[in-house]
N, C-alpha and C. Protein backbone atom coordinates (compact mmCIF):
# COMPACT_ATOMS: atom_id res chain seq x y z
N UNK A 1 0.83 -1.16 0.00
CA UNK A 1 0.00 0.00 0.00
C UNK A 1 0.89 1.24 0.00
N UNK A 2 0.40 2.31 -0.58
CA UNK A 2 1.15 3.56 -0.56
C UNK A 2 2.25 3.60 -1.61
N UNK A 3 3.29 4.35 -1.29
CA UNK A 3 4.38 4.58 -2.24
C UNK A 3 5.06 3.29 -2.67
N UNK A 4 5.21 2.33 -1.74
CA UNK A 4 5.85 1.06 -2.09
C UNK A 4 5.06 0.31 -3.14
N UNK A 5 3.75 0.29 -3.00
CA UNK A 5 2.90 -0.38 -3.98
C UNK A 5 2.92 0.36 -5.31
N UNK A 6 2.92 1.69 -5.25
CA UNK A 6 3.00 2.48 -6.48
C UNK A 6 4.27 2.14 -7.25
N UNK A 7 5.38 2.03 -6.54
CA UNK A 7 6.66 1.70 -7.17
C UNK A 7 6.62 0.31 -7.80
N UNK A 8 6.01 -0.64 -7.12
CA UNK A 8 5.89 -2.00 -7.67
C UNK A 8 5.04 -2.01 -8.94
N UNK A 9 3.92 -1.28 -8.92
CA UNK A 9 3.06 -1.23 -10.11
C UNK A 9 3.77 -0.56 -11.27
N UNK A 10 4.48 0.52 -11.00
CA UNK A 10 5.23 1.20 -12.05
C UNK A 10 6.32 0.30 -12.61
N UNK A 11 7.02 -0.41 -11.74
CA UNK A 11 8.07 -1.33 -12.17
C UNK A 11 7.48 -2.43 -13.06
N UNK A 12 6.34 -2.98 -12.68
CA UNK A 12 5.67 -4.01 -13.47
C UNK A 12 5.29 -3.46 -14.84
N UNK A 13 4.75 -2.24 -14.86
CA UNK A 13 4.35 -1.62 -16.12
C UNK A 13 5.55 -1.45 -17.06
N UNK A 14 6.63 -0.92 -16.53
CA UNK A 14 7.83 -0.70 -17.35
C UNK A 14 8.35 -2.03 -17.90
N UNK A 15 8.44 -3.05 -17.05
CA UNK A 15 8.92 -4.36 -17.51
C UNK A 15 7.99 -4.95 -18.57
N UNK A 16 6.70 -4.82 -18.37
CA UNK A 16 5.74 -5.37 -19.34
C UNK A 16 5.89 -4.68 -20.70
N UNK A 17 6.03 -3.37 -20.70
CA UNK A 17 6.20 -2.64 -21.96
C UNK A 17 7.48 -3.10 -22.66
N UNK A 18 8.53 -3.20 -21.91
CA UNK A 18 9.82 -3.63 -22.49
C UNK A 18 9.75 -5.05 -23.04
N UNK A 19 8.95 -5.91 -22.39
CA UNK A 19 8.85 -7.31 -22.80
C UNK A 19 7.71 -7.56 -23.78
N UNK A 20 6.93 -6.52 -24.09
CA UNK A 20 5.83 -6.66 -25.04
C UNK A 20 4.68 -7.50 -24.53
N UNK A 21 4.40 -7.42 -23.24
CA UNK A 21 3.30 -8.20 -22.66
C UNK A 21 2.35 -7.29 -21.91
N UNK A 22 1.20 -7.83 -21.52
CA UNK A 22 0.19 -7.09 -20.77
C UNK A 22 0.62 -6.97 -19.31
N UNK A 23 0.66 -5.75 -18.76
CA UNK A 23 1.01 -5.62 -17.34
C UNK A 23 -0.05 -6.25 -16.45
N UNK A 24 0.39 -6.71 -15.29
CA UNK A 24 -0.53 -7.30 -14.31
C UNK A 24 -0.41 -6.55 -13.01
N UNK A 25 -1.48 -6.24 -12.34
CA UNK A 25 -2.84 -6.55 -12.73
C UNK A 25 -3.30 -5.64 -13.87
N UNK A 26 -4.18 -6.17 -14.72
CA UNK A 26 -4.68 -5.39 -15.83
C UNK A 26 -6.03 -4.77 -15.49
N UNK A 27 -6.63 -4.08 -16.44
CA UNK A 27 -7.90 -3.39 -16.20
C UNK A 27 -9.00 -4.37 -15.80
N UNK A 28 -8.98 -5.57 -16.35
CA UNK A 28 -9.98 -6.57 -16.01
C UNK A 28 -9.97 -6.91 -14.52
N UNK A 29 -8.79 -7.00 -13.96
CA UNK A 29 -8.66 -7.27 -12.53
C UNK A 29 -9.23 -6.10 -11.73
N UNK A 30 -8.95 -4.89 -12.17
CA UNK A 30 -9.47 -3.71 -11.49
C UNK A 30 -10.98 -3.65 -11.52
N UNK A 31 -11.56 -3.95 -12.68
CA UNK A 31 -13.02 -3.94 -12.82
C UNK A 31 -13.64 -4.99 -11.91
N UNK A 32 -13.09 -6.18 -11.89
CA UNK A 32 -13.63 -7.25 -11.05
C UNK A 32 -13.51 -6.89 -9.56
N UNK A 33 -12.43 -6.24 -9.18
CA UNK A 33 -12.24 -5.82 -7.80
C UNK A 33 -13.32 -4.82 -7.39
N UNK A 34 -13.64 -3.88 -8.27
CA UNK A 34 -14.69 -2.91 -7.98
C UNK A 34 -16.04 -3.62 -7.87
N UNK A 35 -16.30 -4.59 -8.74
CA UNK A 35 -17.56 -5.34 -8.67
C UNK A 35 -17.69 -6.08 -7.33
N UNK A 36 -16.61 -6.67 -6.88
CA UNK A 36 -16.63 -7.41 -5.62
C UNK A 36 -16.85 -6.45 -4.45
N UNK A 37 -16.16 -5.32 -4.45
CA UNK A 37 -16.33 -4.35 -3.36
C UNK A 37 -17.75 -3.79 -3.34
N UNK A 38 -18.32 -3.52 -4.51
CA UNK A 38 -19.68 -3.01 -4.60
C UNK A 38 -20.68 -4.06 -4.09
N UNK A 39 -20.46 -5.32 -4.43
CA UNK A 39 -21.34 -6.39 -3.96
C UNK A 39 -21.23 -6.54 -2.44
N UNK A 40 -20.04 -6.39 -1.90
CA UNK A 40 -19.86 -6.48 -0.44
C UNK A 40 -20.61 -5.35 0.26
N UNK A 41 -20.56 -4.15 -0.31
CA UNK A 41 -21.30 -3.03 0.26
C UNK A 41 -22.80 -3.28 0.20
N UNK A 42 -23.27 -3.79 -0.93
CA UNK A 42 -24.70 -4.08 -1.08
C UNK A 42 -25.12 -5.16 -0.09
N UNK A 43 -24.30 -6.16 0.10
CA UNK A 43 -24.60 -7.22 1.06
C UNK A 43 -24.70 -6.67 2.47
N UNK A 44 -23.77 -5.82 2.83
CA UNK A 44 -23.79 -5.23 4.17
C UNK A 44 -25.03 -4.36 4.37
N UNK A 45 -25.40 -3.62 3.34
CA UNK A 45 -26.59 -2.76 3.43
C UNK A 45 -27.87 -3.57 3.55
N UNK A 46 -27.84 -4.81 3.08
CA UNK A 46 -29.00 -5.68 3.12
C UNK A 46 -28.94 -6.67 4.29
N UNK A 47 -28.13 -6.37 5.27
CA UNK A 47 -28.06 -7.20 6.46
C UNK A 47 -27.33 -8.51 6.25
N UNK A 48 -26.40 -8.56 5.32
CA UNK A 48 -25.63 -9.77 5.09
C UNK A 48 -26.18 -10.69 4.02
N UNK A 49 -27.23 -10.23 3.33
CA UNK A 49 -27.82 -11.03 2.25
C UNK A 49 -26.74 -11.32 1.19
N UNK A 50 -26.78 -12.52 0.65
CA UNK A 50 -25.83 -12.88 -0.39
C UNK A 50 -26.14 -12.11 -1.66
N UNK A 51 -25.12 -11.52 -2.24
CA UNK A 51 -25.26 -10.78 -3.49
C UNK A 51 -24.50 -11.55 -4.57
N UNK A 52 -25.19 -11.89 -5.61
CA UNK A 52 -24.59 -12.67 -6.71
C UNK A 52 -23.93 -11.73 -7.71
N UNK A 53 -22.71 -12.06 -8.08
CA UNK A 53 -22.01 -11.29 -9.11
C UNK A 53 -22.37 -11.85 -10.47
N UNK A 54 -22.39 -10.95 -11.44
CA UNK A 54 -22.72 -11.35 -12.81
C UNK A 54 -21.54 -12.02 -13.47
């Protein structure tokens, strides 16, 4: 978390560009993470009801 994580992500990005590959985590991972966090918030708001992800 914080500056250390930023440095790791930047390092991964630079290496991926140099190697001609997709950096990880990619946008798909970010989108899925937001979906999971949103579902967790919805579940909490509903008293712990299970929320199904699409």
